[in-house]
């Protein structure tokens, strides 16, 4: 127990209740300074503050690197890329060697810094949300005695109520273009996306085992869904015919959509789709908007919001509410009933006047 040297640096050895013997570097070659550090450490142990102070001495990089190894490493390709991008932004603002205890005083300016670079609120929420998740894991799973400074931050408000769908002419133009592009796998991807409302990741990861051509249904497990709830949806005859055509090369891959047996990743699909949109001269449109097409077309044909929510896997009906304005027939029927009552009331008033 006590101080000892390893090469030029002084190290300390001590007993921590519940942990046993611990060896740590004082990070100094000065013996007097090392003695003071060692003495302070013994006081922390005596006061029961050692675990808390040890966690607070850890750096942001230590915490993120552990999360990266234990969690990011097991995510999908897209999620890994997103995590790494967020880590880069956090390091750029906070610094890799920043102590965890210093994050609380620095993180308050993160939102404004990102907004100054014209970053959208939704992106900022994702970045702060990931850091919040990491802090929670450190507290609950790793038992680090730290607070979560992100919990008290008011997240920027996000408006995700974009509703962009293809007009009839745009739909025709897009599919004419898809018939001409060299990526023959692109048209089936787009067709299924429009006819099922599946997200980009679900399209790329769709397996033959999840498609039943007899009942014309797709069943996706909760683990693969964004809201962690399983999804079962029927599909159209056009989608069924598309699947049958793709079955001819089913033996090449377990994935429904592939490029000569090679899996199609989201970035590759988005890139090919963007090029097709350019050729079709369609502006302000993204692959995710095909999901909006599915919901919008259903709503325009009188399908109620609860049914649409079930078909696309919306847990909260507020997400589906953005399509409410696309069908006003029910509202017209309600107003027509009101008009009937009003007309009847007016007729009675006229009769009363005549009687008088």
Protein backbone atom coordinates (compact mmCIF):
# COMPACT_ATOMS: atom_id res chain seq x y z
CA UNK A 1 0.00 0.00 0.00
CA UNK A 2 1.22 3.54 -0.60
CA UNK A 3 3.30 5.24 -3.27
CA UNK A 4 5.68 3.54 -5.66
CA UNK A 5 7.38 4.41 -8.95
CA UNK A 6 6.96 3.00 -12.40
CA UNK A 7 9.77 4.40 -14.50
CA UNK A 8 9.52 8.16 -13.84
CA UNK A 9 5.85 8.33 -12.75
CA UNK A 10 4.55 7.88 -9.21
CA UNK A 11 1.74 5.39 -8.67
CA UNK A 12 -0.45 4.76 -5.64
CA UNK A 13 -2.00 1.62 -4.21
CA UNK A 14 -4.91 1.60 -1.73
CA UNK A 15 -7.92 -0.42 -0.55
CA UNK A 16 -11.45 0.65 -1.46
CA UNK A 17 -14.33 -0.97 0.50
CA UNK A 18 -16.35 -3.13 -1.85
CA UNK A 19 -13.73 -2.88 -4.59
CA UNK A 20 -10.54 -4.24 -3.02
CA UNK A 21 -7.05 -3.13 -3.90
CA UNK A 22 -6.79 -0.36 -6.50
CA UNK A 23 -3.69 0.87 -8.29
CA UNK A 24 -3.70 4.23 -10.06
CA UNK A 25 -1.19 6.57 -11.58
CA UNK A 26 -0.79 10.01 -9.98
CA UNK A 27 0.29 11.23 -13.44
CA UNK A 28 3.18 13.14 -11.98
CA UNK A 29 6.91 12.66 -11.52
CA UNK A 30 6.95 15.03 -8.53
CA UNK A 31 6.97 13.02 -5.27
CA UNK A 32 5.52 15.81 -3.07
CA UNK A 33 2.64 16.36 -5.50
CA UNK A 34 2.09 12.60 -5.67
CA UNK A 35 1.91 12.48 -1.85
CA UNK A 36 -0.76 15.19 -1.82
CA UNK A 37 -2.79 13.36 -4.49
CA UNK A 38 -2.47 10.13 -2.52
CA UNK A 39 -3.55 11.85 0.68
CA UNK A 40 -6.61 13.35 -1.03
CA UNK A 41 -7.53 9.93 -2.35
CA UNK A 42 -7.42 8.43 1.16
CA UNK A 43 -9.71 11.22 2.41
CA UNK A 44 -12.21 10.49 -0.36
CA UNK A 45 -12.23 6.82 0.60
CA UNK A 46 -12.75 7.67 4.28
CA UNK A 47 -15.64 10.02 3.42
CA UNK A 48 -17.24 7.51 1.05
CA UNK A 49 -16.85 9.77 -1.97
CA UNK A 50 -14.31 7.74 -3.90
CA UNK A 51 -16.75 6.11 -6.37
CA UNK A 52 -18.52 9.39 -7.10
CA UNK A 53 -15.31 11.35 -7.60
CA UNK A 54 -13.74 8.62 -9.74
CA UNK A 55 -16.65 8.78 -12.16
CA UNK A 56 -16.49 12.57 -12.31
CA UNK A 57 -12.78 12.38 -13.14
CA UNK A 58 -13.47 10.30 -16.22
CA UNK A 59 -13.33 12.07 -19.55
CA UNK A 60 -16.04 12.38 -22.16
CA UNK A 61 -13.92 10.26 -24.48
CA UNK A 62 -13.73 7.41 -21.94
CA UNK A 63 -17.50 7.35 -21.66
CA UNK A 64 -18.17 7.57 -25.40
CA UNK A 65 -15.52 4.97 -26.28
CA UNK A 66 -17.05 2.49 -23.87
CA UNK A 67 -20.50 3.12 -25.32
CA UNK A 68 -19.08 2.70 -28.82
CA UNK A 69 -17.60 -0.69 -27.92
CA UNK A 70 -20.61 -2.02 -26.03
CA UNK A 71 -23.50 -0.54 -28.00
CA UNK A 72 -22.61 1.18 -31.29
CA UNK A 73 -20.58 -1.83 -32.44
CA UNK A 74 -23.75 -3.96 -32.43
CA UNK A 75 -25.98 -1.55 -34.31
CA UNK A 76 -26.94 -1.60 -37.98
CA UNK A 77 -24.69 -0.04 -40.60
CA UNK A 78 -26.80 3.11 -40.79
CA UNK A 79 -27.01 3.52 -37.01
CA UNK A 80 -23.25 3.03 -36.65
CA UNK A 81 -22.61 5.78 -39.19
CA UNK A 82 -25.06 8.11 -37.43
CA UNK A 83 -23.45 7.47 -34.01
CA UNK A 84 -19.96 8.14 -35.33
CA UNK A 85 -21.12 11.38 -36.95
CA UNK A 86 -22.68 12.53 -33.67
CA UNK A 87 -19.57 11.62 -31.67
CA UNK A 88 -17.54 13.77 -34.06
CA UNK A 89 -19.81 16.77 -33.41
CA UNK A 90 -19.77 16.27 -29.64
CA UNK A 91 -15.97 16.06 -29.58
CA UNK A 92 -15.71 19.18 -31.75
CA UNK A 93 -17.82 21.21 -29.32
CA UNK A 94 -16.95 19.69 -25.93
CA UNK A 95 -13.44 18.33 -26.52
CA UNK A 96 -12.31 14.72 -26.14
CA UNK A 97 -10.43 15.28 -22.89
CA UNK A 98 -13.23 17.22 -21.22
CA UNK A 99 -14.10 15.77 -17.81
CA UNK A 100 -17.63 14.46 -17.37
CA UNK A 101 -18.18 16.95 -14.57
CA UNK A 102 -17.37 19.80 -16.99
CA UNK A 103 -20.00 18.73 -19.55
CA UNK A 104 -22.76 20.25 -17.41
CA UNK A 105 -21.32 23.76 -17.72
CA UNK A 106 -20.54 23.46 -21.43
CA UNK A 107 -23.50 21.64 -22.96
CA UNK A 108 -25.88 24.59 -22.56
CA UNK A 109 -24.36 26.33 -25.58
CA UNK A 110 -24.51 23.30 -27.87
CA UNK A 111 -27.91 24.02 -29.39
CA UNK A 112 -27.09 27.62 -30.32
CA UNK A 113 -23.71 26.61 -31.75
CA UNK A 114 -25.34 24.04 -34.03
CA UNK A 115 -28.17 26.39 -35.02
CA UNK A 116 -25.56 28.98 -36.02
CA UNK A 117 -24.34 26.41 -38.56
CA UNK A 118 -27.90 26.05 -39.92
CA UNK A 119 -28.34 22.57 -38.47
CA UNK A 120 -31.99 21.52 -38.25
CA UNK A 121 -33.64 21.11 -34.82
CA UNK A 122 -34.38 17.43 -35.52
CA UNK A 123 -30.65 16.77 -35.97
CA UNK A 124 -29.78 18.65 -32.77
CA UNK A 125 -32.38 16.62 -30.85
CA UNK A 126 -30.82 13.37 -32.13
CA UNK A 127 -27.34 14.52 -31.11
CA UNK A 128 -28.32 15.60 -27.62
CA UNK A 129 -30.58 12.56 -27.32
CA UNK A 130 -27.68 10.18 -27.95
CA UNK A 131 -25.53 11.94 -25.34
CA UNK A 132 -28.42 11.73 -22.90
CA UNK A 133 -28.72 8.00 -23.57
CA UNK A 134 -25.00 7.47 -22.97
CA UNK A 135 -25.17 9.30 -19.63
CA UNK A 136 -28.15 7.19 -18.58
CA UNK A 137 -26.36 3.98 -19.48
CA UNK A 138 -23.28 5.13 -17.52
CA UNK A 139 -25.49 5.80 -14.48
CA UNK A 140 -27.79 2.78 -14.63
CA UNK A 141 -25.73 0.05 -16.32
CA UNK A 142 -22.16 0.95 -15.40
CA UNK A 143 -23.15 2.34 -11.97
CA UNK A 144 -21.10 5.50 -12.38
CA UNK A 145 -21.98 7.97 -9.62
CA UNK A 146 -22.78 10.88 -11.94
CA UNK A 147 -25.72 13.09 -12.85
CA UNK A 148 -27.17 13.38 -16.34
CA UNK A 149 -26.70 17.04 -17.37
CA UNK A 150 -28.78 16.55 -20.52
CA UNK A 151 -31.92 15.69 -18.55
CA UNK A 152 -32.45 19.30 -17.52
CA UNK A 153 -31.92 20.74 -20.99
CA UNK A 154 -35.04 21.77 -22.91
CA UNK A 155 -34.77 20.18 -26.32
CA UNK A 156 -35.42 22.35 -29.39
CA UNK A 157 -38.90 22.00 -30.84
CA UNK A 158 -39.07 19.87 -33.96
CA UNK A 159 -41.67 20.24 -36.68
CA UNK A 160 -41.78 16.94 -38.58
CA UNK A 161 -45.14 17.55 -40.18
CA UNK A 162 -43.81 17.49 -43.72
CA UNK A 163 -46.31 15.94 -46.12
CA UNK A 164 -44.84 15.63 -49.61
CA UNK A 165 -46.30 13.08 -51.99
CA UNK A 166 -46.12 12.52 -55.71
CA UNK A 167 -48.74 14.13 -57.88
CA UNK A 168 -50.27 12.02 -60.64
CA UNK A 169 -47.94 13.49 -63.26
CA UNK A 170 -44.89 13.10 -61.01
CA UNK A 171 -45.83 9.47 -60.35
CA UNK A 172 -46.00 8.76 -64.08
CA UNK A 173 -42.72 10.59 -64.73
CA UNK A 174 -40.90 8.75 -61.94
CA UNK A 175 -41.92 5.26 -63.08
CA UNK A 176 -41.11 6.06 -66.71
CA UNK A 177 -37.64 7.05 -65.52
CA UNK A 178 -37.26 3.92 -63.35
CA UNK A 179 -37.84 1.79 -66.44
CA UNK A 180 -34.80 3.42 -68.08
CA UNK A 181 -32.20 3.49 -65.26
CA UNK A 182 -29.42 0.90 -65.15
CA UNK A 183 -30.23 -0.11 -61.53
CA UNK A 184 -33.00 -2.58 -62.28
CA UNK A 185 -33.48 -3.26 -58.55
CA UNK A 186 -34.55 0.35 -57.96
CA UNK A 187 -38.06 0.17 -59.47
CA UNK A 188 -39.14 -2.80 -57.27
CA UNK A 189 -37.82 -0.95 -54.18
CA UNK A 190 -39.83 2.15 -55.02
CA UNK A 191 -42.94 0.14 -55.89
CA UNK A 192 -42.96 -1.72 -52.58
CA UNK A 193 -42.19 1.47 -50.66
CA UNK A 194 -45.22 3.25 -52.18
CA UNK A 195 -47.53 0.24 -51.82
CA UNK A 196 -46.59 -0.67 -48.24
CA UNK A 197 -45.37 2.54 -46.58
CA UNK A 198 -42.29 0.75 -45.24
CA UNK A 199 -39.34 2.85 -44.10
CA UNK A 200 -36.04 2.89 -45.97
CA UNK A 201 -34.31 0.59 -43.45
CA UNK A 202 -37.19 -1.91 -43.54
CA UNK A 203 -37.09 -1.98 -47.34
CA UNK A 204 -33.34 -2.69 -47.38
CA UNK A 205 -33.62 -5.35 -44.66
CA UNK A 206 -36.79 -7.04 -45.94
CA UNK A 207 -36.41 -10.84 -46.02
CA UNK A 208 -38.34 -13.46 -47.95
CA UNK A 209 -39.26 -15.07 -44.64
CA UNK A 210 -41.21 -11.90 -43.78
CA UNK A 211 -43.37 -11.96 -46.93
CA UNK A 212 -46.37 -14.27 -47.42
CA UNK A 213 -47.54 -14.24 -51.03
CA UNK A 214 -50.58 -16.41 -50.29
CA UNK A 215 -52.10 -14.09 -47.69
CA UNK A 216 -50.46 -11.03 -49.27
CA UNK A 217 -49.02 -9.82 -45.97
CA UNK A 218 -45.70 -8.61 -44.62
CA UNK A 219 -44.78 -9.35 -41.00
CA UNK A 220 -41.80 -7.59 -39.43
CA UNK A 221 -40.61 -8.34 -35.89
CA UNK A 222 -40.47 -5.68 -33.18
CA UNK A 223 -36.65 -5.80 -33.12
CA UNK A 224 -36.49 -4.44 -36.67
CA UNK A 225 -39.08 -1.69 -36.19
CA UNK A 226 -38.30 1.88 -35.18
CA UNK A 227 -40.98 1.93 -32.47
CA UNK A 228 -40.04 -1.57 -31.24
CA UNK A 229 -43.49 -2.98 -32.04
CA UNK A 230 -44.09 -5.76 -34.57
CA UNK A 231 -45.84 -4.81 -37.80
CA UNK A 232 -48.19 -6.86 -39.95
CA UNK A 233 -49.59 -5.26 -43.11
CA UNK A 234 -51.41 -6.48 -46.25
CA UNK A 235 -50.13 -5.37 -49.64
CA UNK A 236 -51.58 -4.59 -53.04
CA UNK A 237 -51.85 -6.82 -56.08
CA UNK A 238 -49.17 -4.68 -57.77
CA UNK A 239 -46.83 -5.34 -54.82
CA UNK A 240 -47.69 -9.04 -54.98
CA UNK A 241 -46.82 -9.16 -58.68
CA UNK A 242 -43.53 -7.35 -57.95
CA UNK A 243 -42.62 -9.92 -55.30
CA UNK A 244 -43.44 -12.78 -57.70
CA UNK A 245 -41.12 -11.33 -60.32
CA UNK A 246 -38.35 -10.97 -57.73
CA UNK A 247 -38.87 -14.60 -56.66
CA UNK A 248 -37.22 -15.75 -59.86
CA UNK A 249 -33.81 -14.89 -58.39
CA UNK A 250 -34.74 -15.66 -54.78
CA UNK A 251 -32.03 -18.31 -54.44
CA UNK A 252 -29.31 -15.68 -54.80
CA UNK A 253 -30.09 -13.92 -51.52
CA UNK A 254 -32.33 -14.10 -48.44
CA UNK A 255 -32.87 -10.36 -48.89
CA UNK A 256 -35.68 -9.47 -51.26
CA UNK A 257 -33.86 -6.45 -52.68
CA UNK A 258 -30.28 -7.00 -53.82
CA UNK A 259 -27.92 -6.18 -56.64
CA UNK A 260 -26.84 -9.51 -58.16
CA UNK A 261 -26.78 -11.06 -54.71
CA UNK A 262 -25.12 -8.09 -53.01
CA UNK A 263 -27.14 -6.49 -50.26
CA UNK A 264 -28.45 -2.97 -50.98
CA UNK A 265 -27.63 -0.60 -48.13
CA UNK A 266 -29.69 2.55 -47.43
CA UNK A 267 -27.02 4.95 -48.73
CA UNK A 268 -26.80 3.09 -52.03
CA UNK A 269 -30.59 3.10 -52.43
CA UNK A 270 -30.89 6.79 -51.57
CA UNK A 271 -28.13 7.70 -54.02
CA UNK A 272 -29.75 5.79 -56.90
CA UNK A 273 -33.17 7.19 -56.05
CA UNK A 274 -31.86 10.76 -55.99
CA UNK A 275 -30.34 10.32 -59.44
CA UNK A 276 -33.67 8.98 -60.73
CA UNK A 277 -35.50 12.00 -59.30
CA UNK A 278 -33.09 14.31 -61.11
CA UNK A 279 -33.73 12.54 -64.41
CA UNK A 280 -37.49 12.68 -63.78
CA UNK A 281 -37.19 16.40 -62.93
CA UNK A 282 -38.87 15.96 -59.53
CA UNK A 283 -37.75 18.46 -56.89
CA UNK A 284 -38.02 18.56 -53.11
CA UNK A 285 -38.59 14.82 -52.74
CA UNK A 286 -36.83 12.15 -50.65
CA UNK A 287 -37.12 8.38 -50.39
CA UNK A 288 -38.93 8.72 -47.05
CA UNK A 289 -41.60 10.75 -48.87
CA UNK A 290 -42.71 7.50 -50.54
CA UNK A 291 -44.07 6.65 -47.09
CA UNK A 292 -46.00 9.92 -47.21
CA UNK A 293 -47.34 8.86 -50.61
CA UNK A 294 -48.72 5.66 -49.09
CA UNK A 295 -50.44 7.49 -46.22
CA UNK A 296 -51.64 10.39 -48.37
CA UNK A 297 -53.14 8.18 -51.08
CA UNK A 298 -54.97 6.13 -48.44
CA UNK A 299 -56.34 9.25 -46.78
CA UNK A 300 -57.44 10.75 -50.08
CA UNK A 301 -59.47 7.61 -50.70
CA UNK A 302 -61.32 7.94 -47.41
CA UNK A 303 -59.31 5.63 -45.12
CA UNK A 304 -59.61 6.77 -41.50
CA UNK A 305 -56.57 7.92 -39.52
CA UNK A 306 -56.67 5.03 -37.01
CA UNK A 307 -56.40 2.50 -39.84
CA UNK A 308 -53.54 4.40 -41.48
CA UNK A 309 -51.74 4.56 -38.13
CA UNK A 310 -52.03 0.76 -37.78
CA UNK A 311 -50.80 0.15 -41.31
CA UNK A 312 -47.64 2.27 -40.95
CA UNK A 313 -46.94 1.43 -37.30
CA UNK A 314 -47.56 4.83 -35.75
CA UNK A 315 -47.77 4.40 -31.98
CA UNK A 316 -49.05 7.93 -31.49
CA UNK A 317 -52.02 9.10 -33.58
CA UNK A 318 -50.59 12.62 -33.54
CA UNK A 319 -48.02 11.45 -36.09
CA UNK A 320 -50.83 10.39 -38.43
CA UNK A 321 -52.81 13.58 -37.83
CA UNK A 322 -50.71 15.40 -40.43
CA UNK A 323 -52.72 13.60 -43.14
CA UNK A 324 -56.11 14.61 -41.73
CA UNK A 325 -56.53 17.57 -44.08
CA UNK A 326 -56.16 15.41 -47.19
CA UNK A 327 -59.75 14.14 -46.96
CA UNK A 328 -62.56 16.57 -46.24
CA UNK A 329 -65.44 14.38 -47.48
CA UNK A 330 -66.37 13.33 -43.95
CA UNK A 331 -66.29 16.97 -42.90
CA UNK A 332 -68.57 17.86 -45.80
CA UNK A 333 -71.01 15.16 -44.69
CA UNK A 334 -71.01 16.61 -41.17
CA UNK A 335 -71.64 20.14 -42.49
CA UNK A 336 -74.37 18.80 -44.78
CA UNK A 337 -76.17 17.40 -41.72
CA UNK A 338 -75.86 20.79 -40.05
CA UNK A 339 -77.27 22.43 -43.16
CA UNK A 340 -80.23 20.03 -43.05
CA UNK A 341 -80.97 21.08 -39.49
CA UNK A 342 -80.58 24.76 -40.39
CA UNK A 343 -82.89 24.42 -43.41
CA UNK A 344 -85.52 22.65 -41.28
CA UNK A 345 -85.31 25.40 -38.67
CA UNK A 346 -85.70 28.08 -41.33
CA UNK A 347 -88.71 26.28 -42.82
CA UNK A 348 -90.41 26.15 -39.41
CA UNK A 349 -89.80 29.87 -38.93
CA UNK A 350 -91.42 30.62 -42.28
CA UNK A 351 -94.46 28.50 -41.36
CA UNK A 352 -94.82 30.31 -38.04
CA UNK A 353 -94.71 33.68 -39.83
CA UNK A 354 -97.45 32.59 -42.26
CA UNK A 355 -99.66 31.35 -39.43
CA UNK A 356 -99.39 34.69 -37.67
